[in-house]
Amino acid sequence: MRPTLPSLHTLAAAIDRDRDAVIAGLTLPWNSGVVEGHVSRIKMLNRQMLGRAGLQLLRERVLLA
């Protein structure tokens, strides 16, 4: 009897649905590394503030950093 792996089936179905995007991501020379770096930096700044301030302060910190 073979074990069932529902999580693997879900992942395979999602990859199949986005086949064009997956192929493009694996074959094209472009990447979003710079954008991901900026997103990570903003998330880090947001975590440092621990919800003590609103969007305005986060905006100021992002623009000044």
PDB file of N, CA and C in Angstrom:
ATOM      1  N   MET A   1       0.833  -1.187   0.000  1.00  0.00           N
ATOM      2  CA  MET A   1       0.000   0.000   0.000  1.00  0.00           C
ATOM      3  C   MET A   1       0.878   1.251   0.000  1.00  0.00           C
ATOM      4  N   ARG A   2       0.605   2.171  -0.898  1.00  0.00           N
ATOM      5  CA  ARG A   2       1.397   3.393  -1.010  1.00  0.00           C
ATOM      6  C   ARG A   2       0.821   4.475  -0.109  1.00  0.00           C
ATOM      7  N   PRO A   3       1.700   5.221   0.572  1.00  0.00           N
ATOM      8  CA  PRO A   3       1.195   6.301   1.433  1.00  0.00           C
ATOM      9  C   PRO A   3       0.657   7.455   0.578  1.00  0.00           C
ATOM     10  N   THR A   4      -0.341   8.115   1.088  1.00  0.00           N
ATOM     11  CA  THR A   4      -0.866   9.284   0.385  1.00  0.00           C
ATOM     12  C   THR A   4      -0.200  10.524   0.949  1.00  0.00           C
ATOM     13  N   LEU A   5       0.091  11.452   0.095  1.00  0.00           N
ATOM     14  CA  LEU A   5       0.746  12.696   0.486  1.00  0.00           C
ATOM     15  C   LEU A   5      -0.096  13.868  -0.010  1.00  0.00           C
ATOM     16  N   PRO A   6      -1.131  14.258   0.738  1.00  0.00           N
ATOM     17  CA  PRO A   6      -2.026  15.307   0.259  1.00  0.00           C
ATOM     18  C   PRO A   6      -1.317  16.648   0.033  1.00  0.00           C
ATOM     19  N   SER A   7      -0.335  16.967   0.858  1.00  0.00           N
ATOM     20  CA  SER A   7       0.384  18.235   0.684  1.00  0.00           C
ATOM     21  C   SER A   7       1.149  18.256  -0.630  1.00  0.00           C
ATOM     22  N   LEU A   8       1.735  17.117  -0.979  1.00  0.00           N
ATOM     23  CA  LEU A   8       2.465  17.020  -2.243  1.00  0.00           C
ATOM     24  C   LEU A   8       1.514  17.144  -3.432  1.00  0.00           C
ATOM     25  N   HIS A   9       0.348  16.555  -3.319  1.00  0.00           N
ATOM     26  CA  HIS A   9      -0.651  16.658  -4.388  1.00  0.00           C
ATOM     27  C   HIS A   9      -1.118  18.107  -4.557  1.00  0.00           C
ATOM     28  N   THR A  10      -1.291  18.812  -3.439  1.00  0.00           N
ATOM     29  CA  THR A  10      -1.694  20.221  -3.486  1.00  0.00           C
ATOM     30  C   THR A  10      -0.612  21.060  -4.160  1.00  0.00           C
ATOM     31  N   LEU A  11       0.645  20.830  -3.786  1.00  0.00           N
ATOM     32  CA  LEU A  11       1.759  21.565  -4.396  1.00  0.00           C
ATOM     33  C   LEU A  11       1.834  21.285  -5.892  1.00  0.00           C
ATOM     34  N   ALA A  12       1.715  20.031  -6.271  1.00  0.00           N
ATOM     35  CA  ALA A  12       1.788  19.675  -7.694  1.00  0.00           C
ATOM     36  C   ALA A  12       0.654  20.327  -8.482  1.00  0.00           C
ATOM     37  N   ALA A  13      -0.537  20.366  -7.902  1.00  0.00           N
ATOM     38  CA  ALA A  13      -1.668  20.996  -8.585  1.00  0.00           C
ATOM     39  C   ALA A  13      -1.438  22.492  -8.750  1.00  0.00           C
ATOM     40  N   ALA A  14      -0.880  23.144  -7.726  1.00  0.00           N
ATOM     41  CA  ALA A  14      -0.612  24.580  -7.814  1.00  0.00           C
ATOM     42  C   ALA A  14       0.456  24.875  -8.865  1.00  0.00           C
ATOM     43  N   ILE A  15       1.487  24.059  -8.914  1.00  0.00           N
ATOM     44  CA  ILE A  15       2.535  24.233  -9.928  1.00  0.00           C
ATOM     45  C   ILE A  15       1.948  24.041 -11.318  1.00  0.00           C
ATOM     46  N   ASP A  16       1.083  23.062 -11.463  1.00  0.00           N
ATOM     47  CA  ASP A  16       0.459  22.797 -12.756  1.00  0.00           C
ATOM     48  C   ASP A  16      -0.422  23.969 -13.185  1.00  0.00           C
ATOM     49  N   ARG A  17      -1.163  24.556 -12.238  1.00  0.00           N
ATOM     50  CA  ARG A  17      -2.025  25.709 -12.571  1.00  0.00           C
ATOM     51  C   ARG A  17      -1.200  26.905 -13.029  1.00  0.00           C
ATOM     52  N   ASP A  18      -0.011  27.089 -12.438  1.00  0.00           N
ATOM     53  CA  ASP A  18       0.840  28.235 -12.770  1.00  0.00           C
ATOM     54  C   ASP A  18       2.028  27.816 -13.629  1.00  0.00           C
ATOM     55  N   ARG A  19       1.813  26.842 -14.469  1.00  0.00           N
ATOM     56  CA  ARG A  19       2.903  26.275 -15.266  1.00  0.00           C
ATOM     57  C   ARG A  19       3.705  27.333 -16.030  1.00  0.00           C
ATOM     58  N   ASP A  20       3.031  28.284 -16.680  1.00  0.00           N
ATOM     59  CA  ASP A  20       3.748  29.312 -17.453  1.00  0.00           C
ATOM     60  C   ASP A  20       4.656  30.148 -16.562  1.00  0.00           C
ATOM     61  N   ALA A  21       4.159  30.525 -15.379  1.00  0.00           N
ATOM     62  CA  ALA A  21       4.962  31.332 -14.459  1.00  0.00           C
ATOM     63  C   ALA A  21       6.147  30.531 -13.929  1.00  0.00           C
ATOM     64  N   VAL A  22       5.930  29.261 -13.660  1.00  0.00           N
ATOM     65  CA  VAL A  22       7.017  28.409 -13.154  1.00  0.00           C
ATOM     66  C   VAL A  22       8.102  28.261 -14.220  1.00  0.00           C
ATOM     67  N   ILE A  23       7.697  28.000 -15.437  1.00  0.00           N
ATOM     68  CA  ILE A  23       8.675  27.861 -16.530  1.00  0.00           C
ATOM     69  C   ILE A  23       9.437  29.163 -16.734  1.00  0.00           C
ATOM     70  N   ALA A  24       8.735  30.295 -16.717  1.00  0.00           N
ATOM     71  CA  ALA A  24       9.399  31.590 -16.880  1.00  0.00           C
ATOM     72  C   ALA A  24      10.388  31.829 -15.747  1.00  0.00           C
ATOM     73  N   GLY A  25       9.994  31.515 -14.518  1.00  0.00           N
ATOM     74  CA  GLY A  25      10.874  31.725 -13.375  1.00  0.00           C
ATOM     75  C   GLY A  25      12.129  30.874 -13.427  1.00  0.00           C
ATOM     76  N   LEU A  26      12.033  29.715 -14.030  1.00  0.00           N
ATOM     77  CA  LEU A  26      13.183  28.814 -14.098  1.00  0.00           C
ATOM     78  C   LEU A  26      14.062  29.047 -15.319  1.00  0.00           C
ATOM     79  N   THR A  27      13.533  29.707 -16.347  1.00  0.00           N
ATOM     80  CA  THR A  27      14.292  29.806 -17.591  1.00  0.00           C
ATOM     81  C   THR A  27      14.727  31.220 -17.968  1.00  0.00           C
ATOM     82  N   LEU A  28      14.009  32.238 -17.535  1.00  0.00           N
ATOM     83  CA  LEU A  28      14.359  33.601 -17.935  1.00  0.00           C
ATOM     84  C   LEU A  28      15.490  34.151 -17.069  1.00  0.00           C
ATOM     85  N   PRO A  29      16.310  35.042 -17.634  1.00  0.00           N
ATOM     86  CA  PRO A  29      17.463  35.552 -16.885  1.00  0.00           C
ATOM     87  C   PRO A  29      17.115  36.614 -15.837  1.00  0.00           C
ATOM     88  N   TRP A  30      15.886  37.134 -15.841  1.00  0.00           N
ATOM     89  CA  TRP A  30      15.520  38.194 -14.904  1.00  0.00           C
ATOM     90  C   TRP A  30      15.103  37.610 -13.571  1.00  0.00           C
ATOM     91  N   ASN A  31      15.262  38.417 -12.520  1.00  0.00           N
ATOM     92  CA  ASN A  31      14.777  37.989 -11.209  1.00  0.00           C
ATOM     93  C   ASN A  31      14.313  39.208 -10.423  1.00  0.00           C
ATOM     94  N   SER A  32      13.680  38.971  -9.305  1.00  0.00           N
ATOM     95  CA  SER A  32      13.157  40.058  -8.488  1.00  0.00           C
ATOM     96  C   SER A  32      13.942  40.187  -7.183  1.00  0.00           C
ATOM     97  N   GLY A  33      15.216  39.841  -7.222  1.00  0.00           N
ATOM     98  CA  GLY A  33      16.053  39.867  -6.023  1.00  0.00           C
ATOM     99  C   GLY A  33      16.123  41.226  -5.365  1.00  0.00           C
ATOM    100  N   VAL A  34      16.266  42.288  -6.142  1.00  0.00           N
ATOM    101  CA  VAL A  34      16.361  43.638  -5.578  1.00  0.00           C
ATOM    102  C   VAL A  34      15.056  44.010  -4.889  1.00  0.00           C
ATOM    103  N   VAL A  35      13.943  43.719  -5.531  1.00  0.00           N
ATOM    104  CA  VAL A  35      12.640  44.025  -4.946  1.00  0.00           C
ATOM    105  C   VAL A  35      12.452  43.235  -3.655  1.00  0.00           C
ATOM    106  N   GLU A  36      12.806  41.960  -3.671  1.00  0.00           N
ATOM    107  CA  GLU A  36      12.668  41.135  -2.472  1.00  0.00           C
ATOM    108  C   GLU A  36      13.528  41.679  -1.336  1.00  0.00           C
ATOM    109  N   GLY A  37      14.695  42.215  -1.663  1.00  0.00           N
ATOM    110  CA  GLY A  37      15.551  42.819  -0.641  1.00  0.00           C
ATOM    111  C   GLY A  37      14.884  44.019   0.006  1.00  0.00           C
ATOM    112  N   HIS A  38      14.237  44.857  -0.806  1.00  0.00           N
ATOM    113  CA  HIS A  38      13.538  46.021  -0.261  1.00  0.00           C
ATOM    114  C   HIS A  38      12.353  45.597   0.603  1.00  0.00           C
ATOM    115  N   VAL A  39      11.622  44.592   0.161  1.00  0.00           N
ATOM    116  CA  VAL A  39      10.483  44.094   0.941  1.00  0.00           C
ATOM    117  C   VAL A  39      10.970  43.551   2.281  1.00  0.00           C
ATOM    118  N   SER A  40      12.060  42.806   2.276  1.00  0.00           N
ATOM    119  CA  SER A  40      12.608  42.262   3.523  1.00  0.00           C
ATOM    120  C   SER A  40      13.034  43.380   4.464  1.00  0.00           C
ATOM    121  N   ARG A  41      13.638  44.433   3.917  1.00  0.00           N
ATOM    122  CA  ARG A  41      14.076  45.563   4.742  1.00  0.00           C
ATOM    123  C   ARG A  41      12.879  46.264   5.381  1.00  0.00           C
ATOM    124  N   ILE A  42      11.818  46.475   4.610  1.00  0.00           N
ATOM    125  CA  ILE A  42      10.615  47.125   5.138  1.00  0.00           C
ATOM    126  C   ILE A  42       9.972  46.258   6.217  1.00  0.00           C
ATOM    127  N   LYS A  43       9.923  44.950   5.998  1.00  0.00           N
ATOM    128  CA  LYS A  43       9.361  44.057   7.005  1.00  0.00           C
ATOM    129  C   LYS A  43      10.185  44.095   8.291  1.00  0.00           C
ATOM    130  N   MET A  44      11.516  44.167   8.155  1.00  0.00           N
ATOM    131  CA  MET A  44      12.385  44.242   9.323  1.00  0.00           C
ATOM    132  C   MET A  44      12.133  45.530  10.096  1.00  0.00           C
ATOM    133  N   LEU A  45      12.012  46.649   9.399  1.00  0.00           N
ATOM    134  CA  LEU A  45      11.715  47.916  10.062  1.00  0.00           C
ATOM    135  C   LEU A  45      10.369  47.859  10.777  1.00  0.00           C
ATOM    136  N   ASN A  46       9.394  47.268  10.142  1.00  0.00           N
ATOM    137  CA  ASN A  46       8.066  47.137  10.731  1.00  0.00           C
ATOM    138  C   ASN A  46       8.119  46.271  11.998  1.00  0.00           C
ATOM    139  N   ARG A  47       8.875  45.177  11.956  1.00  0.00           N
ATOM    140  CA  ARG A  47       9.001  44.310  13.131  1.00  0.00           C
ATOM    141  C   ARG A  47       9.709  45.025  14.271  1.00  0.00           C
ATOM    142  N   GLN A  48      10.691  45.861  13.956  1.00  0.00           N
ATOM    143  CA  GLN A  48      11.414  46.589  14.993  1.00  0.00           C
ATOM    144  C   GLN A  48      10.493  47.531  15.755  1.00  0.00           C
ATOM    145  N   MET A  49       9.491  48.057  15.088  1.00  0.00           N
ATOM    146  CA  MET A  49       8.586  49.003  15.737  1.00  0.00           C
ATOM    147  C   MET A  49       7.545  48.282  16.585  1.00  0.00           C
ATOM    148  N   LEU A  50       7.359  46.996  16.401  1.00  0.00           N
ATOM    149  CA  LEU A  50       6.456  46.180  17.210  1.00  0.00           C
ATOM    150  C   LEU A  50       5.061  46.773  17.358  1.00  0.00           C
ATOM    151  N   GLY A  51       4.537  47.347  16.296  1.00  0.00           N
ATOM    152  CA  GLY A  51       3.178  47.868  16.322  1.00  0.00           C
ATOM    153  C   GLY A  51       2.997  49.119  17.161  1.00  0.00           C
ATOM    154  N   ARG A  52       4.091  49.791  17.544  1.00  0.00           N
ATOM    155  CA  ARG A  52       3.989  50.971  18.405  1.00  0.00           C
ATOM    156  C   ARG A  52       3.616  52.231  17.648  1.00  0.00           C
ATOM    157  N   ALA A  53       3.677  52.177  16.353  1.00  0.00           N
ATOM    158  CA  ALA A  53       3.400  53.386  15.580  1.00  0.00           C
ATOM    159  C   ALA A  53       2.614  53.003  14.341  1.00  0.00           C
ATOM    160  N   GLY A  54       2.094  53.979  13.690  1.00  0.00           N
ATOM    161  CA  GLY A  54       1.268  53.732  12.524  1.00  0.00           C
ATOM    162  C   GLY A  54       2.054  53.752  11.225  1.00  0.00           C
ATOM    163  N   LEU A  55       1.306  53.800  10.161  1.00  0.00           N
ATOM    164  CA  LEU A  55       1.870  53.771   8.822  1.00  0.00           C
ATOM    165  C   LEU A  55       2.741  54.993   8.541  1.00  0.00           C
ATOM    166  N   GLN A  56       2.397  56.132   9.103  1.00  0.00           N
ATOM    167  CA  GLN A  56       3.162  57.356   8.845  1.00  0.00           C
ATOM    168  C   GLN A  56       4.604  57.217   9.329  1.00  0.00           C
ATOM    169  N   LEU A  57       4.799  56.660  10.546  1.00  0.00           N
ATOM    170  CA  LEU A  57       6.160  56.489  11.057  1.00  0.00           C
ATOM    171  C   LEU A  57       6.922  55.456  10.234  1.00  0.00           C
ATOM    172  N   LEU A  58       6.266  54.381   9.851  1.00  0.00           N
ATOM    173  CA  LEU A  58       6.919  53.382   9.001  1.00  0.00           C
ATOM    174  C   LEU A  58       7.353  54.020   7.691  1.00  0.00           C
ATOM    175  N   ARG A  59       6.496  54.847   7.118  1.00  0.00           N
ATOM    176  CA  ARG A  59       6.832  55.542   5.861  1.00  0.00           C
ATOM    177  C   ARG A  59       8.066  56.410   6.047  1.00  0.00           C
ATOM    178  N   GLU A  60       8.120  57.160   7.149  1.00  0.00           N
ATOM    179  CA  GLU A  60       9.276  58.030   7.433  1.00  0.00           C
ATOM    180  C   GLU A  60      10.558  57.197   7.563  1.00  0.00           C
ATOM    181  N   ARG A  61      10.472  56.095   8.284  1.00  0.00           N
ATOM    182  CA  ARG A  61      11.659  55.253   8.484  1.00  0.00           C
ATOM    183  C   ARG A  61      12.134  54.642   7.178  1.00  0.00           C
ATOM    184  N   VAL A  62      11.197  54.229   6.326  1.00  0.00           N
ATOM    185  CA  VAL A  62      11.575  53.628   5.041  1.00  0.00           C
ATOM    186  C   VAL A  62      12.253  54.669   4.157  1.00  0.00           C
ATOM    187  N   LEU A  63      11.704  55.865   4.136  1.00  0.00           N
ATOM    188  CA  LEU A  63      12.260  56.911   3.280  1.00  0.00           C
ATOM    189  C   LEU A  63      13.611  57.406   3.793  1.00  0.00           C
ATOM    190  N   LEU A  64      13.825  57.389   5.112  1.00  0.00           N
ATOM    191  CA  LEU A  64      15.082  57.880   5.681  1.00  0.00           C
ATOM    192  C   LEU A  64      16.156  56.799   5.751  1.00  0.00           C
ATOM    193  N   ALA A  65      15.771  55.544   5.679  1.00  0.00           N
ATOM    194  CA  ALA A  65      16.754  54.450   5.820  1.00  0.00           C
ATOM    195  C   ALA A  65      17.574  54.300   4.565  1.00  0.00           C
TER     196      ALA A  65
END
